[in-house]
PDB file of N, CA and C in Angstrom:
ATOM      1  N   MET A   1     -62.546 -14.614 -33.359  1.00  0.00           N
ATOM      2  CA  MET A   1     -62.542 -15.941 -33.553  1.00  0.00           C
ATOM      3  C   MET A   1     -62.280 -16.125 -34.542  1.00  0.00           C
ATOM      4  N   LEU A   2     -61.670 -17.934 -34.667  1.00  0.00           N
ATOM      5  CA  LEU A   2     -60.802 -18.595 -36.169  1.00  0.00           C
ATOM      6  C   LEU A   2     -61.991 -18.848 -36.438  1.00  0.00           C
ATOM      7  N   THR A   3     -63.401 -19.176 -36.956  1.00  0.00           N
ATOM      8  CA  THR A   3     -64.604 -19.987 -37.250  1.00  0.00           C
ATOM      9  C   THR A   3     -63.645 -20.694 -38.511  1.00  0.00           C
ATOM     10  N   ARG A   4     -63.298 -20.438 -39.808  1.00  0.00           N
ATOM     11  CA  ARG A   4     -62.791 -20.976 -40.622  1.00  0.00           C
ATOM     12  C   ARG A   4     -61.913 -21.481 -41.610  1.00  0.00           C
ATOM     13  N   GLY A   5     -61.361 -21.928 -40.322  1.00  0.00           N
ATOM     14  CA  GLY A   5     -59.900 -22.736 -40.215  1.00  0.00           C
ATOM     15  C   GLY A   5     -58.729 -21.789 -40.347  1.00  0.00           C
ATOM     16  N   GLN A   6     -59.011 -20.457 -39.709  1.00  0.00           N
ATOM     17  CA  GLN A   6     -57.782 -19.263 -40.155  1.00  0.00           C
ATOM     18  C   GLN A   6     -56.662 -19.979 -39.213  1.00  0.00           C
ATOM     19  N   THR A   7     -55.116 -19.026 -39.061  1.00  0.00           N
ATOM     20  CA  THR A   7     -54.337 -18.986 -38.218  1.00  0.00           C
ATOM     21  C   THR A   7     -54.170 -18.305 -37.564  1.00  0.00           C
ATOM     22  N   VAL A   8     -53.092 -18.022 -36.934  1.00  0.00           N
ATOM     23  CA  VAL A   8     -52.651 -16.872 -36.736  1.00  0.00           C
ATOM     24  C   VAL A   8     -50.846 -17.364 -36.903  1.00  0.00           C
ATOM     25  N   ASP A   9     -50.079 -15.982 -37.869  1.00  0.00           N
ATOM     26  CA  ASP A   9     -48.870 -16.305 -38.417  1.00  0.00           C
ATOM     27  C   ASP A   9     -48.040 -15.645 -37.441  1.00  0.00           C
ATOM     28  N   ASN A  10     -47.186 -16.045 -37.513  1.00  0.00           N
ATOM     29  CA  ASN A  10     -45.772 -14.849 -36.880  1.00  0.00           C
ATOM     30  C   ASN A  10     -45.765 -14.537 -35.525  1.00  0.00           C
ATOM     31  N   VAL A  11     -45.921 -15.668 -35.151  1.00  0.00           N
ATOM     32  CA  VAL A  11     -45.834 -15.593 -33.344  1.00  0.00           C
ATOM     33  C   VAL A  11     -44.862 -16.197 -32.733  1.00  0.00           C
ATOM     34  N   PRO A  12     -44.005 -15.412 -32.087  1.00  0.00           N
ATOM     35  CA  PRO A  12     -43.255 -15.904 -31.540  1.00  0.00           C
ATOM     36  C   PRO A  12     -42.578 -16.811 -30.798  1.00  0.00           C
ATOM     37  N   LYS A  13     -42.017 -17.925 -31.424  1.00  0.00           N
ATOM     38  CA  LYS A  13     -41.845 -18.944 -30.238  1.00  0.00           C
ATOM     39  C   LYS A  13     -41.084 -18.861 -29.095  1.00  0.00           C
ATOM     40  N   GLU A  14     -40.687 -17.598 -29.214  1.00  0.00           N
ATOM     41  CA  GLU A  14     -40.031 -17.668 -27.642  1.00  0.00           C
ATOM     42  C   GLU A  14     -40.879 -16.840 -26.573  1.00  0.00           C
ATOM     43  N   GLU A  15     -42.116 -16.358 -27.310  1.00  0.00           N
ATOM     44  CA  GLU A  15     -42.738 -15.453 -26.595  1.00  0.00           C
ATOM     45  C   GLU A  15     -44.156 -15.853 -26.085  1.00  0.00           C
ATOM     46  N   THR A  16     -43.918 -17.655 -26.503  1.00  0.00           N
ATOM     47  CA  THR A  16     -45.200 -18.399 -26.129  1.00  0.00           C
ATOM     48  C   THR A  16     -44.664 -19.110 -24.883  1.00  0.00           C
ATOM     49  N   LYS A  17     -45.868 -19.460 -24.118  1.00  0.00           N
ATOM     50  CA  LYS A  17     -45.750 -20.221 -22.347  1.00  0.00           C
ATOM     51  C   LYS A  17     -46.162 -21.872 -22.525  1.00  0.00           C
ATOM     52  N   PRO A  18     -45.564 -22.706 -22.558  1.00  0.00           N
ATOM     53  CA  PRO A  18     -46.945 -23.695 -21.865  1.00  0.00           C
ATOM     54  C   PRO A  18     -47.177 -23.735 -21.068  1.00  0.00           C
ATOM     55  N   LEU A  19     -49.337 -24.266 -20.337  1.00  0.00           N
ATOM     56  CA  LEU A  19     -49.412 -24.303 -19.530  1.00  0.00           C
ATOM     57  C   LEU A  19     -50.292 -25.691 -19.394  1.00  0.00           C
ATOM     58  N   ILE A  20     -49.032 -26.485 -18.482  1.00  0.00           N
ATOM     59  CA  ILE A  20     -50.137 -27.882 -18.268  1.00  0.00           C
ATOM     60  C   ILE A  20     -50.590 -27.927 -17.572  1.00  0.00           C
ATOM     61  N   LEU A  21     -51.767 -28.297 -17.766  1.00  0.00           N
ATOM     62  CA  LEU A  21     -53.349 -28.576 -17.043  1.00  0.00           C
ATOM     63  C   LEU A  21     -53.431 -29.664 -16.049  1.00  0.00           C
ATOM     64  N   LYS A  22     -53.378 -29.841 -14.618  1.00  0.00           N
ATOM     65  CA  LYS A  22     -53.850 -30.730 -14.336  1.00  0.00           C
ATOM     66  C   LYS A  22     -55.694 -31.219 -14.073  1.00  0.00           C
ATOM     67  N   ALA A  23     -55.323 -32.839 -13.898  1.00  0.00           N
ATOM     68  CA  ALA A  23     -57.273 -33.186 -14.076  1.00  0.00           C
ATOM     69  C   ALA A  23     -57.894 -32.199 -13.065  1.00  0.00           C
ATOM     70  N   GLY A  24     -59.285 -31.332 -13.541  1.00  0.00           N
ATOM     71  CA  GLY A  24     -59.588 -30.601 -12.823  1.00  0.00           C
ATOM     72  C   GLY A  24     -59.163 -29.424 -12.617  1.00  0.00           C
ATOM     73  N   GLN A  25     -57.724 -29.140 -13.168  1.00  0.00           N
ATOM     74  CA  GLN A  25     -57.961 -27.422 -12.963  1.00  0.00           C
ATOM     75  C   GLN A  25     -58.650 -26.679 -14.602  1.00  0.00           C
ATOM     76  N   MET A  26     -58.671 -25.556 -14.821  1.00  0.00           N
ATOM     77  CA  MET A  26     -59.299 -24.896 -15.652  1.00  0.00           C
ATOM     78  C   MET A  26     -58.006 -23.821 -16.111  1.00  0.00           C
ATOM     79  N   SER A  27     -58.121 -23.291 -17.705  1.00  0.00           N
ATOM     80  CA  SER A  27     -57.393 -21.751 -17.663  1.00  0.00           C
ATOM     81  C   SER A  27     -58.771 -20.448 -17.805  1.00  0.00           C
ATOM     82  N   LEU A  28     -57.886 -19.436 -17.898  1.00  0.00           N
ATOM     83  CA  LEU A  28     -59.158 -18.498 -17.775  1.00  0.00           C
ATOM     84  C   LEU A  28     -58.195 -17.468 -19.794  1.00  0.00           C
ATOM     85  N   HIS A  29     -58.912 -16.820 -20.747  1.00  0.00           N
ATOM     86  CA  HIS A  29     -58.045 -16.291 -21.009  1.00  0.00           C
ATOM     87  C   HIS A  29     -58.663 -14.984 -21.701  1.00  0.00           C
ATOM     88  N   HIS A  30     -57.804 -13.851 -21.595  1.00  0.00           N
ATOM     89  CA  HIS A  30     -58.699 -12.700 -22.676  1.00  0.00           C
ATOM     90  C   HIS A  30     -59.112 -13.402 -23.678  1.00  0.00           C
ATOM     91  N   PRO A  31     -60.006 -12.467 -24.559  1.00  0.00           N
ATOM     92  CA  PRO A  31     -60.174 -12.469 -25.108  1.00  0.00           C
ATOM     93  C   PRO A  31     -59.100 -12.624 -26.710  1.00  0.00           C
ATOM     94  N   LYS A  32     -58.528 -11.190 -26.649  1.00  0.00           N
ATOM     95  CA  LYS A  32     -57.390 -10.781 -27.238  1.00  0.00           C
ATOM     96  C   LYS A  32     -55.929 -11.806 -27.429  1.00  0.00           C
ATOM     97  N   VAL A  33     -56.054 -12.841 -26.024  1.00  0.00           N
ATOM     98  CA  VAL A  33     -54.810 -14.018 -26.202  1.00  0.00           C
ATOM     99  C   VAL A  33     -55.256 -14.322 -27.731  1.00  0.00           C
ATOM    100  N   VAL A  34     -53.730 -15.450 -28.106  1.00  0.00           N
ATOM    101  CA  VAL A  34     -53.988 -16.542 -29.220  1.00  0.00           C
ATOM    102  C   VAL A  34     -53.326 -17.762 -27.720  1.00  0.00           C
ATOM    103  N   HIS A  35     -54.452 -18.270 -27.956  1.00  0.00           N
ATOM    104  CA  HIS A  35     -54.291 -19.621 -27.115  1.00  0.00           C
ATOM    105  C   HIS A  35     -54.430 -20.882 -28.236  1.00  0.00           C
ATOM    106  N   GLY A  36     -54.603 -22.083 -27.175  1.00  0.00           N
ATOM    107  CA  GLY A  36     -54.847 -23.445 -28.395  1.00  0.00           C
ATOM    108  C   GLY A  36     -54.461 -24.594 -27.564  1.00  0.00           C
ATOM    109  N   SER A  37     -54.299 -25.493 -28.169  1.00  0.00           N
ATOM    110  CA  SER A  37     -53.835 -26.689 -27.599  1.00  0.00           C
ATOM    111  C   SER A  37     -54.014 -27.863 -28.908  1.00  0.00           C
ATOM    112  N   LYS A  38     -53.134 -28.272 -28.386  1.00  0.00           N
ATOM    113  CA  LYS A  38     -52.583 -29.861 -29.099  1.00  0.00           C
ATOM    114  C   LYS A  38     -54.236 -30.735 -29.143  1.00  0.00           C
ATOM    115  N   LEU A  39     -54.291 -31.964 -29.704  1.00  0.00           N
ATOM    116  CA  LEU A  39     -54.977 -32.820 -29.667  1.00  0.00           C
ATOM    117  C   LEU A  39     -55.373 -33.170 -28.055  1.00  0.00           C
ATOM    118  N   ASN A  40     -56.119 -33.572 -27.747  1.00  0.00           N
ATOM    119  CA  ASN A  40     -55.821 -34.297 -26.686  1.00  0.00           C
ATOM    120  C   ASN A  40     -56.558 -35.941 -26.685  1.00  0.00           C
ATOM    121  N   GLN A  41     -54.446 -36.290 -26.098  1.00  0.00           N
ATOM    122  CA  GLN A  41     -54.872 -37.782 -26.509  1.00  0.00           C
ATOM    123  C   GLN A  41     -55.016 -38.913 -24.892  1.00  0.00           C
ATOM    124  N   SER A  42     -55.847 -37.854 -23.953  1.00  0.00           N
ATOM    125  CA  SER A  42     -56.096 -38.991 -23.022  1.00  0.00           C
ATOM    126  C   SER A  42     -56.768 -40.170 -23.723  1.00  0.00           C
ATOM    127  N   ASN A  43     -57.828 -40.486 -22.492  1.00  0.00           N
ATOM    128  CA  ASN A  43     -58.779 -41.449 -22.606  1.00  0.00           C
ATOM    129  C   ASN A  43     -60.131 -40.671 -22.310  1.00  0.00           C
ATOM    130  N   ASP A  44     -60.152 -39.555 -21.905  1.00  0.00           N
ATOM    131  CA  ASP A  44     -61.116 -38.525 -21.336  1.00  0.00           C
ATOM    132  C   ASP A  44     -61.272 -37.727 -21.609  1.00  0.00           C
ATOM    133  N   ARG A  45     -62.140 -37.285 -21.590  1.00  0.00           N
ATOM    134  CA  ARG A  45     -63.199 -35.635 -22.417  1.00  0.00           C
ATOM    135  C   ARG A  45     -62.279 -34.734 -21.883  1.00  0.00           C
ATOM    136  N   ARG A  46     -62.750 -33.733 -22.704  1.00  0.00           N
ATOM    137  CA  ARG A  46     -61.181 -32.192 -22.253  1.00  0.00           C
ATOM    138  C   ARG A  46     -62.960 -31.577 -22.923  1.00  0.00           C
ATOM    139  N   ILE A  47     -62.998 -30.292 -21.796  1.00  0.00           N
ATOM    140  CA  ILE A  47     -64.464 -30.396 -21.313  1.00  0.00           C
ATOM    141  C   ILE A  47     -63.912 -28.440 -21.593  1.00  0.00           C
ATOM    142  N   GLY A  48     -64.662 -27.260 -22.153  1.00  0.00           N
ATOM    143  CA  GLY A  48     -64.435 -26.368 -22.602  1.00  0.00           C
ATOM    144  C   GLY A  48     -66.039 -25.728 -21.960  1.00  0.00           C
ATOM    145  N   PHE A  49     -65.395 -24.621 -21.070  1.00  0.00           N
ATOM    146  CA  PHE A  49     -66.185 -24.130 -20.650  1.00  0.00           C
ATOM    147  C   PHE A  49     -66.808 -22.427 -21.872  1.00  0.00           C
ATOM    148  N   VAL A  50     -67.200 -21.791 -22.264  1.00  0.00           N
ATOM    149  CA  VAL A  50     -66.837 -20.293 -22.906  1.00  0.00           C
ATOM    150  C   VAL A  50     -68.391 -19.291 -22.305  1.00  0.00           C
ATOM    151  N   ILE A  51     -68.160 -18.044 -22.167  1.00  0.00           N
ATOM    152  CA  ILE A  51     -68.824 -17.168 -22.000  1.00  0.00           C
ATOM    153  C   ILE A  51     -69.091 -16.280 -22.980  1.00  0.00           C
ATOM    154  N   GLN A  52     -69.479 -16.246 -23.782  1.00  0.00           N
ATOM    155  CA  GLN A  52     -69.466 -15.737 -25.384  1.00  0.00           C
ATOM    156  C   GLN A  52     -69.406 -14.681 -24.942  1.00  0.00           C
ATOM    157  N   SER A  53     -69.822 -13.441 -23.585  1.00  0.00           N
ATOM    158  CA  SER A  53     -69.442 -12.029 -23.635  1.00  0.00           C
ATOM    159  C   SER A  53     -70.356 -11.209 -22.745  1.00  0.00           C
ATOM    160  N   TYR A  54     -69.436 -10.759 -22.287  1.00  0.00           N
ATOM    161  CA  TYR A  54     -70.493  -9.099 -21.175  1.00  0.00           C
ATOM    162  C   TYR A  54     -70.368  -8.198 -22.282  1.00  0.00           C
ATOM    163  N   ILE A  55     -71.711  -7.580 -21.925  1.00  0.00           N
ATOM    164  CA  ILE A  55     -71.638  -6.233 -22.418  1.00  0.00           C
ATOM    165  C   ILE A  55     -72.710  -5.740 -22.338  1.00  0.00           C
ATOM    166  N   GLY A  56     -72.593  -4.544 -22.529  1.00  0.00           N
ATOM    167  CA  GLY A  56     -73.065  -3.205 -21.871  1.00  0.00           C
ATOM    168  C   GLY A  56     -73.460  -2.976 -22.313  1.00  0.00           C
ATOM    169  N   THR A  57     -75.438  -2.501 -22.193  1.00  0.00           N
ATOM    170  CA  THR A  57     -76.909  -2.529 -23.367  1.00  0.00           C
ATOM    171  C   THR A  57     -76.852  -1.795 -24.028  1.00  0.00           C
ATOM    172  N   ASN A  58     -75.937  -0.964 -24.233  1.00  0.00           N
ATOM    173  CA  ASN A  58     -75.372   0.234 -25.712  1.00  0.00           C
ATOM    174  C   ASN A  58     -74.992  -0.569 -26.027  1.00  0.00           C
ATOM    175  N   VAL A  59     -74.702  -1.889 -26.453  1.00  0.00           N
ATOM    176  CA  VAL A  59     -73.766  -2.225 -27.261  1.00  0.00           C
ATOM    177  C   VAL A  59     -74.918  -3.069 -28.226  1.00  0.00           C
ATOM    178  N   LYS A  60     -74.691  -2.774 -29.907  1.00  0.00           N
ATOM    179  CA  LYS A  60     -75.905  -3.287 -30.404  1.00  0.00           C
ATOM    180  C   LYS A  60     -75.209  -3.698 -31.327  1.00  0.00           C
ATOM    181  N   GLN A  61     -75.542  -5.621 -31.534  1.00  0.00           N
ATOM    182  CA  GLN A  61     -75.320  -6.323 -32.519  1.00  0.00           C
ATOM    183  C   GLN A  61     -75.840  -5.863 -33.974  1.00  0.00           C
ATOM    184  N   VAL A  62     -74.356  -5.560 -34.772  1.00  0.00           N
ATOM    185  CA  VAL A  62     -75.027  -5.162 -36.198  1.00  0.00           C
ATOM    186  C   VAL A  62     -74.989  -6.036 -37.078  1.00  0.00           C
ATOM    187  N   LEU A  63     -74.283  -7.722 -37.034  1.00  0.00           N
ATOM    188  CA  LEU A  63     -73.774  -8.629 -37.471  1.00  0.00           C
ATOM    189  C   LEU A  63     -75.125  -9.492 -38.084  1.00  0.00           C
ATOM    190  N   GLY A  64     -76.255  -9.600 -36.720  1.00  0.00           N
ATOM    191  CA  GLY A  64     -76.751 -10.918 -37.213  1.00  0.00           C
ATOM    192  C   GLY A  64     -77.756 -10.525 -35.716  1.00  0.00           C
ATOM    193  N   LYS A  65     -78.207 -11.760 -35.314  1.00  0.00           N
ATOM    194  CA  LYS A  65     -79.830 -11.432 -33.720  1.00  0.00           C
ATOM    195  C   LYS A  65     -79.026 -12.462 -32.914  1.00  0.00           C
ATOM    196  N   ASN A  66     -78.858 -11.526 -31.662  1.00  0.00           N
ATOM    197  CA  ASN A  66     -78.722 -12.916 -31.011  1.00  0.00           C
ATOM    198  C   ASN A  66     -79.933 -12.238 -29.320  1.00  0.00           C
ATOM    199  N   SER A  67     -79.260 -13.041 -28.252  1.00  0.00           N
ATOM    200  CA  SER A  67     -80.624 -12.882 -27.283  1.00  0.00           C
ATOM    201  C   SER A  67     -79.624 -12.977 -26.166  1.00  0.00           C
ATOM    202  N   VAL A  68     -80.087 -11.589 -24.854  1.00  0.00           N
ATOM    203  CA  VAL A  68     -79.072 -11.640 -23.900  1.00  0.00           C
ATOM    204  C   VAL A  68     -80.013 -11.436 -22.590  1.00  0.00           C
ATOM    205  N   GLN A  69     -79.065 -12.620 -21.590  1.00  0.00           N
ATOM    206  CA  GLN A  69     -79.717 -12.612 -20.163  1.00  0.00           C
ATOM    207  C   GLN A  69     -79.320 -11.274 -19.419  1.00  0.00           C
ATOM    208  N   LEU A  70     -79.939 -10.347 -18.911  1.00  0.00           N
ATOM    209  CA  LEU A  70     -79.573  -9.128 -18.624  1.00  0.00           C
ATOM    210  C   LEU A  70     -79.139  -9.226 -16.823  1.00  0.00           C
ATOM    211  N   ALA A  71     -77.742  -9.124 -16.926  1.00  0.00           N
ATOM    212  CA  ALA A  71     -77.273  -9.276 -15.491  1.00  0.00           C
ATOM    213  C   ALA A  71     -77.622  -8.732 -14.038  1.00  0.00           C
ATOM    214  N   ARG A  72     -77.146  -7.095 -14.972  1.00  0.00           N
ATOM    215  CA  ARG A  72     -77.976  -6.043 -13.496  1.00  0.00           C
ATOM    216  C   ARG A  72     -78.561  -5.142 -14.278  1.00  0.00           C
ATOM    217  N   GLY A  73     -79.097  -3.981 -13.179  1.00  0.00           N
ATOM    218  CA  GLY A  73     -79.393  -3.064 -13.856  1.00  0.00           C
ATOM    219  C   GLY A  73     -80.750  -2.771 -14.769  1.00  0.00           C
ATOM    220  N   ILE A  74     -80.747  -1.926 -15.346  1.00  0.00           N
ATOM    221  CA  ILE A  74     -82.062  -1.310 -16.729  1.00  0.00           C
ATOM    222  C   ILE A  74     -81.111  -1.005 -18.006  1.00  0.00           C
ATOM    223  N   ASP A  75     -81.996  -1.575 -18.381  1.00  0.00           N
ATOM    224  CA  ASP A  75     -81.876  -1.899 -19.717  1.00  0.00           C
ATOM    225  C   ASP A  75     -82.598  -0.498 -20.834  1.00  0.00           C
ATOM    226  N   GLU A  76     -81.824   0.747 -20.619  1.00  0.00           N
ATOM    227  CA  GLU A  76     -82.553   1.406 -21.511  1.00  0.00           C
ATOM    228  C   GLU A  76     -82.311   1.521 -23.209  1.00  0.00           C
ATOM    229  N   PHE A  77     -82.057   0.849 -23.503  1.00  0.00           N
ATOM    230  CA  PHE A  77     -81.607   0.772 -25.299  1.00  0.00           C
ATOM    231  C   PHE A  77     -82.636  -0.383 -26.087  1.00  0.00           C
ATOM    232  N   ASN A  78     -82.673  -1.276 -25.165  1.00  0.00           N
ATOM    233  CA  ASN A  78     -83.719  -2.203 -25.969  1.00  0.00           C
ATOM    234  C   ASN A  78     -83.166  -2.927 -27.116  1.00  0.00           C
ATOM    235  N   PHE A  79     -81.712  -2.742 -27.745  1.00  0.00           N
ATOM    236  CA  PHE A  79     -80.422  -3.753 -28.663  1.00  0.00           C
ATOM    237  C   PHE A  79     -81.531  -4.822 -28.551  1.00  0.00           C
ATOM    238  N   HIS A  80     -81.523  -5.868 -27.699  1.00  0.00           N
ATOM    239  CA  HIS A  80     -81.526  -7.557 -28.040  1.00  0.00           C
ATOM    240  C   HIS A  80     -82.526  -7.503 -27.421  1.00  0.00           C
ATOM    241  N   GLU A  81     -82.708  -8.766 -27.358  1.00  0.00           N
ATOM    242  CA  GLU A  81     -84.687  -9.808 -26.815  1.00  0.00           C
ATOM    243  C   GLU A  81     -83.924 -10.537 -25.378  1.00  0.00           C
ATOM    244  N   LYS A  82     -84.328 -10.754 -24.554  1.00  0.00           N
ATOM    245  CA  LYS A  82     -84.567 -10.683 -23.972  1.00  0.00           C
ATOM    246  C   LYS A  82     -84.954 -12.248 -23.501  1.00  0.00           C
ATOM    247  N   ILE A  83     -84.102 -12.866 -22.955  1.00  0.00           N
ATOM    248  CA  ILE A  83     -84.375 -14.325 -22.570  1.00  0.00           C
ATOM    249  C   ILE A  83     -84.021 -14.707 -20.781  1.00  0.00           C
ATOM    250  N   LYS A  84     -85.059 -15.389 -20.255  1.00  0.00           N
ATOM    251  CA  LYS A  84     -85.264 -16.269 -19.301  1.00  0.00           C
ATOM    252  C   LYS A  84     -83.606 -17.077 -18.648  1.00  0.00           C
ATOM    253  N   ARG A  85     -83.652 -17.121 -17.669  1.00  0.00           N
ATOM    254  CA  ARG A  85     -82.682 -18.356 -17.427  1.00  0.00           C
ATOM    255  C   ARG A  85     -83.282 -19.191 -17.682  1.00  0.00           C
ATOM    256  N   THR A  86     -82.595 -20.444 -17.642  1.00  0.00           N
ATOM    257  CA  THR A  86     -82.715 -21.674 -17.845  1.00  0.00           C
ATOM    258  C   THR A  86     -83.738 -22.344 -16.366  1.00  0.00           C
ATOM    259  N   LYS A  87     -84.361 -23.131 -16.415  1.00  0.00           N
ATOM    260  CA  LYS A  87     -85.367 -23.711 -15.745  1.00  0.00           C
ATOM    261  C   LYS A  87     -84.589 -24.790 -15.225  1.00  0.00           C
ATOM    262  N   SER A  88     -84.078 -25.670 -15.818  1.00  0.00           N
ATOM    263  CA  SER A  88     -83.497 -27.154 -15.137  1.00  0.00           C
ATOM    264  C   SER A  88     -82.728 -27.449 -16.868  1.00  0.00           C
ATOM    265  N   LEU A  89     -81.631 -28.282 -16.060  1.00  0.00           N
ATOM    266  CA  LEU A  89     -80.912 -29.089 -17.153  1.00  0.00           C
ATOM    267  C   LEU A  89     -80.957 -29.168 -18.527  1.00  0.00           C
ATOM    268  N   MET A  90     -82.174 -30.402 -18.268  1.00  0.00           N
ATOM    269  CA  MET A  90     -82.081 -30.775 -19.580  1.00  0.00           C
ATOM    270  C   MET A  90     -83.650 -29.907 -20.017  1.00  0.00           C
ATOM    271  N   ASP A  91     -84.150 -28.982 -19.591  1.00  0.00           N
ATOM    272  CA  ASP A  91     -85.611 -28.988 -19.832  1.00  0.00           C
ATOM    273  C   ASP A  91     -85.875 -28.945 -21.613  1.00  0.00           C
ATOM    274  N   LYS A  92     -87.517 -29.414 -21.757  1.00  0.00           N
ATOM    275  CA  LYS A  92     -87.381 -29.362 -23.756  1.00  0.00           C
ATOM    276  C   LYS A  92     -86.806 -28.085 -23.981  1.00  0.00           C
ATOM    277  N   ASN A  93     -87.489 -26.926 -23.367  1.00  0.00           N
ATOM    278  CA  ASN A  93     -87.886 -25.845 -24.360  1.00  0.00           C
ATOM    279  C   ASN A  93     -86.534 -25.644 -23.767  1.00  0.00           C
ATOM    280  N   ASP A  94     -86.098 -25.421 -23.042  1.00  0.00           N
ATOM    281  CA  ASP A  94     -84.574 -24.836 -22.626  1.00  0.00           C
ATOM    282  C   ASP A  94     -83.411 -25.426 -23.530  1.00  0.00           C
ATOM    283  N   LEU A  95     -83.362 -26.463 -24.325  1.00  0.00           N
ATOM    284  CA  LEU A  95     -82.821 -27.199 -24.816  1.00  0.00           C
ATOM    285  C   LEU A  95     -83.352 -26.295 -26.346  1.00  0.00           C
ATOM    286  N   LYS A  96     -84.625 -26.382 -26.670  1.00  0.00           N
ATOM    287  CA  LYS A  96     -84.856 -25.662 -28.097  1.00  0.00           C
ATOM    288  C   LYS A  96     -83.955 -24.319 -27.953  1.00  0.00           C
ATOM    289  N   LEU A  97     -84.238 -23.213 -27.023  1.00  0.00           N
ATOM    290  CA  LEU A  97     -84.008 -22.419 -27.065  1.00  0.00           C
ATOM    291  C   LEU A  97     -81.841 -21.854 -26.817  1.00  0.00           C
ATOM    292  N   LYS A  98     -81.778 -23.320 -26.448  1.00  0.00           N
ATOM    293  CA  LYS A  98     -80.137 -23.043 -26.693  1.00  0.00           C
ATOM    294  C   LYS A  98     -79.741 -23.261 -28.203  1.00  0.00           C
ATOM    295  N   LYS A  99     -79.791 -24.248 -28.576  1.00  0.00           N
ATOM    296  CA  LYS A  99     -80.291 -24.794 -30.185  1.00  0.00           C
ATOM    297  C   LYS A  99     -80.404 -23.061 -30.939  1.00  0.00           C
ATOM    298  N   GLN A 100     -81.895 -22.812 -30.675  1.00  0.00           N
ATOM    299  CA  GLN A 100     -82.198 -21.294 -31.432  1.00  0.00           C
ATOM    300  C   GLN A 100     -80.971 -20.504 -31.464  1.00  0.00           C
ATOM    301  N   GLU A 101     -79.854 -20.466 -30.390  1.00  0.00           N
ATOM    302  CA  GLU A 101     -78.820 -19.569 -29.863  1.00  0.00           C
ATOM    303  C   GLU A 101     -77.847 -19.598 -30.834  1.00  0.00           C
ATOM    304  N   ASN A 102     -77.342 -20.922 -30.386  1.00  0.00           N
ATOM    305  CA  ASN A 102     -76.298 -21.308 -31.424  1.00  0.00           C
ATOM    306  C   ASN A 102     -76.804 -21.145 -33.068  1.00  0.00           C
ATOM    307  N   ASP A 103     -77.932 -20.924 -33.747  1.00  0.00           N
ATOM    308  CA  ASP A 103     -77.789 -21.001 -34.658  1.00  0.00           C
ATOM    309  C   ASP A 103     -77.609 -19.267 -35.024  1.00  0.00           C
ATOM    310  N   TYR A 104     -78.088 -18.610 -34.170  1.00  0.00           N
ATOM    311  CA  TYR A 104     -78.008 -17.556 -34.275  1.00  0.00           C
ATOM    312  C   TYR A 104     -76.415 -16.887 -34.576  1.00  0.00           C
ATOM    313  N   LEU A 105     -75.587 -17.930 -33.238  1.00  0.00           N
ATOM    314  CA  LEU A 105     -74.512 -16.984 -33.436  1.00  0.00           C
ATOM    315  C   LEU A 105     -73.385 -18.128 -34.170  1.00  0.00           C
ATOM    316  N   GLN A 106     -73.599 -19.183 -35.296  1.00  0.00           N
ATOM    317  CA  GLN A 106     -73.454 -19.556 -36.480  1.00  0.00           C
ATOM    318  C   GLN A 106     -73.369 -18.789 -37.896  1.00  0.00           C
ATOM    319  N   GLU A 107     -74.752 -17.917 -37.566  1.00  0.00           N
ATOM    320  CA  GLU A 107     -75.300 -17.213 -38.558  1.00  0.00           C
ATOM    321  C   GLU A 107     -74.467 -15.596 -38.588  1.00  0.00           C
ATOM    322  N   ILE A 108     -73.854 -15.642 -37.406  1.00  0.00           N
ATOM    323  CA  ILE A 108     -72.696 -14.343 -37.418  1.00  0.00           C
ATOM    324  C   ILE A 108     -71.193 -14.785 -37.812  1.00  0.00           C
ATOM    325  N   PHE A 109     -70.958 -16.006 -37.355  1.00  0.00           N
ATOM    326  CA  PHE A 109     -69.390 -16.574 -36.774  1.00  0.00           C
ATOM    327  C   PHE A 109     -69.074 -16.408 -38.793  1.00  0.00           C
ATOM    328  N   TYR A 110     -70.462 -17.463 -39.637  1.00  0.00           N
ATOM    329  CA  TYR A 110     -69.926 -18.016 -40.583  1.00  0.00           C
ATOM    330  C   TYR A 110     -71.077 -17.175 -41.850  1.00  0.00           C
ATOM    331  N   LYS A 111     -70.983 -15.589 -41.397  1.00  0.00           N
ATOM    332  CA  LYS A 111     -71.392 -15.176 -42.451  1.00  0.00           C
ATOM    333  C   LYS A 111     -70.884 -14.671 -43.533  1.00  0.00           C
ATOM    334  N   GLY A 112     -71.124 -15.185 -44.722  1.00  0.00           N
ATOM    335  CA  GLY A 112     -70.023 -14.555 -45.792  1.00  0.00           C
ATOM    336  C   GLY A 112     -70.058 -15.841 -46.532  1.00  0.00           C
ATOM    337  N   SER A 113     -69.574 -16.810 -45.707  1.00  0.00           N
ATOM    338  CA  SER A 113     -68.773 -18.435 -46.069  1.00  0.00           C
ATOM    339  C   SER A 113     -69.216 -19.484 -46.192  1.00  0.00           C
ATOM    340  N   GLU A 114     -68.785 -19.503 -47.140  1.00  0.00           N
ATOM    341  CA  GLU A 114     -69.159 -20.809 -47.698  1.00  0.00           C
ATOM    342  C   GLU A 114     -69.515 -22.207 -47.045  1.00  0.00           C
ATOM    343  N   LYS A 115     -68.529 -22.649 -46.478  1.00  0.00           N
ATOM    344  CA  LYS A 115     -68.278 -23.747 -45.129  1.00  0.00           C
ATOM    345  C   LYS A 115     -68.533 -22.999 -44.134  1.00  0.00           C
ATOM    346  N   LYS A 116     -69.587 -24.452 -43.358  1.00  0.00           N
ATOM    347  CA  LYS A 116     -69.895 -23.605 -41.700  1.00  0.00           C
ATOM    348  C   LYS A 116     -69.269 -25.453 -40.998  1.00  0.00           C
ATOM    349  N   GLY A 117     -68.672 -24.414 -39.658  1.00  0.00           N
ATOM    350  CA  GLY A 117     -68.321 -25.731 -39.244  1.00  0.00           C
ATOM    351  C   GLY A 117     -69.270 -26.140 -37.954  1.00  0.00           C
ATOM    352  N   THR A 118     -68.677 -27.369 -37.517  1.00  0.00           N
ATOM    353  CA  THR A 118     -70.450 -27.987 -36.477  1.00  0.00           C
ATOM    354  C   THR A 118     -69.371 -28.417 -34.951  1.00  0.00           C
ATOM    355  N   TYR A 119     -70.700 -27.180 -34.487  1.00  0.00           N
ATOM    356  CA  TYR A 119     -70.199 -27.668 -33.003  1.00  0.00           C
ATOM    357  C   TYR A 119     -71.495 -28.242 -32.111  1.00  0.00           C
TER     358      TYR A 119
END
């Protein structure tokens, strides 16, 4: 993740492919695919949906803290704090939890950095 204003150098232009989306369409990217977009010049918002990761219960977070929701099976390792699914769209406790989890992610993404991005 490029959280500190980094860029990816030496991407051969001839190997890039434009993907023009129509309203209501979406694209999915593998985490190791370099992708990006230019400034949204439309009169409507651009909506991004990110699934941070699916990880096995045997994976331990070593750069900070994050919580998980168990999708299936049994966690025999207990490396992560478990959180429950949200109750409703704007539940006040769920919003507090979302802020806490975003704070955890910022600590991981910006560890050692003097400058912190906002999102």
